[in-house]
Protein backbone atom coordinates (compact mmCIF):
# COMPACT_ATOMS: atom_id res chain seq x y z
CA MET A 1 0.01 0.02 0.02
CA GLY A 2 1.43 3.43 -0.90
CA GLN A 3 2.15 6.20 1.57
CA SER A 4 -0.41 8.98 2.01
CA PRO A 5 0.66 12.52 0.88
CA SER A 6 0.43 13.78 4.48
CA ARG A 7 2.66 10.97 5.73
CA ILE A 8 5.17 11.60 2.95
CA ALA A 9 5.26 15.31 3.91
CA LEU A 10 5.65 14.39 7.55
CA VAL A 11 8.51 11.96 6.79
CA MET A 12 10.28 14.67 4.72
CA ALA A 13 9.91 17.22 7.49
CA VAL A 14 11.19 14.80 10.13
CA ALA A 15 14.14 13.78 7.97
CA ALA A 16 15.10 17.45 7.58
CA LEU A 17 14.55 18.17 11.26
CA ALA A 18 16.58 15.10 12.24
CA ALA A 19 19.42 16.07 9.95
CA ALA A 20 19.46 19.58 11.41
CA SER A 21 19.03 18.74 15.06
CA CYS A 22 20.18 15.18 15.59
CA SER A 23 23.35 14.89 13.68
CA GLY A 24 26.15 13.81 15.93
CA SER A 25 23.73 12.59 18.60
CA THR A 26 24.15 9.12 20.13
CA GLN A 27 21.84 6.49 18.83
CA HIS A 28 20.03 4.52 21.54
CA PRO A 29 18.24 1.25 20.82
CA ASP A 30 14.46 1.53 20.94
CA GLY A 31 13.43 0.21 24.37
CA GLY A 32 16.62 -1.86 24.62
CA GLY A 33 15.58 -4.16 21.82
CA GLN A 34 16.01 -4.33 18.08
CA PRO A 35 14.15 -1.70 16.04
CA GLN A 36 10.98 -2.90 14.43
CA PRO A 37 11.15 -2.84 10.63
CA ASP A 38 8.99 -0.54 8.63
CA GLY A 39 6.19 -2.44 7.11
CA ALA A 40 3.74 -1.85 4.37
CA GLY A 41 0.42 -2.35 6.07
CA SER A 42 -3.25 -1.76 5.58
CA ASP A 43 -5.81 -0.14 7.75
CA ALA A 44 -7.53 -3.47 8.23
CA GLY A 45 -6.38 -5.27 11.38
CA LEU A 46 -5.10 -2.15 13.21
CA PRO A 47 -5.62 -2.30 16.96
CA THR A 48 -8.57 -0.34 18.30
CA GLY A 49 -9.07 1.69 21.47
CA GLY A 50 -6.22 4.12 21.02
CA PHE A 51 -6.57 7.91 20.84
CA ILE A 52 -4.80 11.21 20.84
CA THR A 53 -6.69 14.26 22.16
CA GLY A 54 -5.98 17.86 23.07
CA ASP A 55 -7.69 21.15 23.59
CA VAL A 56 -6.68 23.47 20.77
CA ASP A 57 -7.50 27.09 21.54
CA GLY A 58 -10.21 25.76 23.89
CA VAL A 59 -11.72 23.32 21.44
CA THR A 60 -11.20 19.55 22.08
CA ILE A 61 -9.86 17.64 19.10
CA ARG A 62 -10.07 13.90 19.79
CA ALA A 63 -8.76 11.48 17.17
CA GLU A 64 -9.42 7.72 17.48
CA MET A 65 -9.08 6.42 13.88
CA GLN A 66 -5.82 4.71 12.96
CA ALA A 67 -4.50 5.50 16.46
CA VAL A 68 -1.17 3.73 16.67
CA SER A 69 2.49 4.19 17.56
CA TYR A 70 5.49 2.73 15.68
CA TRP A 71 9.21 3.15 15.08
CA TRP A 72 10.29 3.92 11.52
CA SER A 73 13.62 4.60 9.90
CA GLY A 74 13.03 8.33 9.61
CA ILE A 75 13.39 8.89 13.31
CA GLN A 76 16.19 8.35 15.75
CA GLN A 77 16.58 5.09 17.62
CA GLY A 78 14.93 5.29 21.06
CA TRP A 79 12.11 7.52 19.77
CA ILE A 80 8.68 6.57 18.53
CA GLY A 81 5.98 8.13 16.38
CA ALA A 82 2.33 8.22 17.39
CA GLU A 83 -0.58 9.26 15.26
CA ALA A 84 -4.36 9.31 15.18
CA GLN A 85 -6.93 11.04 13.11
CA ASN A 86 -10.63 11.92 12.91
CA ALA A 87 -12.55 13.23 9.88
CA GLU A 88 -11.00 16.69 10.10
CA TRP A 89 -7.65 16.46 11.81
CA GLN A 90 -4.64 14.25 12.33
CA TRP A 91 -2.31 14.37 15.30
CA SER A 92 1.33 13.27 14.93
CA LEU A 93 3.79 13.05 17.82
CA ILE A 94 7.44 12.15 17.84
CA LEU A 95 8.64 11.45 21.39
CA PRO A 96 11.25 9.36 23.23
CA ASN A 97 10.11 5.79 23.80
CA ALA A 98 10.97 5.95 27.53
CA THR A 99 9.07 7.16 30.54
CA GLY A 100 9.77 10.61 31.87
CA SER A 101 9.32 14.30 31.20
CA LEU A 102 10.48 16.02 28.05
CA ALA A 103 10.70 19.77 28.67
CA ALA A 104 10.77 21.83 25.50
CA CYS A 105 10.28 18.59 23.55
CA SER A 106 14.13 18.44 23.12
CA GLY A 107 14.01 17.20 19.52
CA GLY A 108 10.50 15.80 19.66
CA TYR A 109 7.45 17.52 18.24
CA VAL A 110 3.67 17.76 17.94
CA VAL A 111 1.94 18.20 14.52
CA LEU A 112 -1.72 18.90 13.73
CA GLN A 113 -2.79 18.72 10.14
CA THR A 114 -5.69 17.78 7.92
CA PRO A 115 -5.63 14.12 6.87
CA GLY A 116 -4.58 13.36 3.30
CA SER A 117 -3.78 17.04 2.47
CA GLY A 118 -0.11 16.51 1.86
CA ALA A 119 0.52 19.83 3.58
CA MET A 120 1.54 20.26 7.19
CA ALA A 121 -0.72 22.75 8.88
CA PHE A 122 0.66 23.41 12.41
CA GLY A 123 3.82 22.16 14.13
CA SER A 124 5.73 22.71 17.31
CA PHE A 125 9.02 22.89 15.37
CA GLY A 126 8.32 26.27 13.78
CA ALA A 127 10.04 29.46 14.90
CA ASP A 128 7.39 30.18 17.51
CA GLY A 129 6.39 26.61 18.26
CA ALA A 130 7.11 24.69 21.49
CA CYS A 131 5.98 21.58 23.30
CA ALA A 132 6.44 19.61 26.49
CA ALA A 133 5.49 15.97 27.15
CA GLU A 134 5.32 13.38 29.87
CA VAL A 135 5.61 9.73 28.75
CA THR A 136 3.95 7.59 31.41
CA ALA A 137 4.18 4.29 29.59
CA ALA A 138 6.82 3.38 26.99
CA ALA A 139 6.16 0.78 24.23
CA PRO A 140 9.38 -1.17 23.72
CA ASP A 141 7.62 -4.02 22.02
CA VAL A 142 4.90 -4.43 19.40
CA GLY A 143 1.61 -4.76 21.29
CA ASP A 144 2.66 -2.44 24.13
CA VAL A 145 0.67 0.75 24.75
CA PHE A 146 2.51 4.11 24.48
CA GLU A 147 0.89 6.80 26.62
CA GLY A 148 1.34 10.13 28.28
CA THR A 149 0.43 13.81 28.23
CA PHE A 150 1.56 16.88 26.24
CA THR A 151 1.11 20.60 25.74
CA ALA A 152 2.21 22.68 22.76
CA THR A 153 2.33 25.93 20.90
CA LEU A 154 1.80 25.09 17.28
CA ASP A 155 3.19 27.41 14.61
CA GLN A 156 1.32 27.51 11.27
CA VAL A 157 3.60 26.22 8.51
CA GLY A 158 3.87 29.05 6.03
CA GLY A 159 1.71 31.40 8.03
CA ALA A 160 1.51 33.58 11.13
CA THR A 161 -1.17 31.75 13.16
CA LEU A 162 -0.33 30.11 16.50
CA LYS A 163 -2.48 27.47 18.20
CA GLN A 164 -2.22 26.71 21.89
CA VAL A 165 -2.69 23.00 22.89
CA SER A 166 -3.49 22.11 26.50
CA ASN A 167 -4.72 18.90 28.16
CA GLY A 168 -3.09 16.73 25.48
CA VAL A 169 -3.32 13.01 26.17
CA PHE A 170 -2.23 10.06 24.08
CA ARG A 171 -2.78 6.34 24.53
CA VAL A 172 -1.85 4.35 21.43
CA PRO A 173 -0.89 0.71 20.87
CA ARG A 174 2.40 -0.04 19.17
CA ILE A 175 2.38 -1.81 15.84
CA ALA A 176 5.25 -3.23 13.76
CA GLY A 177 5.43 -0.51 11.11
CA MET A 178 3.59 2.33 9.36
CA PRO A 179 -0.04 1.54 8.73
């Protein structure tokens, strides 16, 4: 199955971000084990019950469709991606796959975009963006649940709008590769 335009845009942005901010950093194995390979998957058979939610400028955006976490070759070892979408929005998070606080996101980020658009709408990695997260459960193995909380200031990509995210919560099962 081919990659969606929004996922391709996200991968390209992460690769550029990683090259700029992670070069020379020490690689850590993901959860102490071997990295899970990327896999071409389908939406059928994805685990259910996961979600990412947050209050964006006072409006709750809860996403429960395709709510999963996974490691993929575009991000540093020891980190994990999480995503979920609803009919209007898609959340994407890149965070360390280890419990603990992440002040200023320290290389991680939060993205909010429209699904399938191919364009990134808002991200914490912009000039005025910021985020913080607390991972309360890491997911070192496929089948584990990755969970925690986050806040963010999201900078509009190619624009001047800022969005404030509060009360962010994620709870997503880990799968073997990109859905």
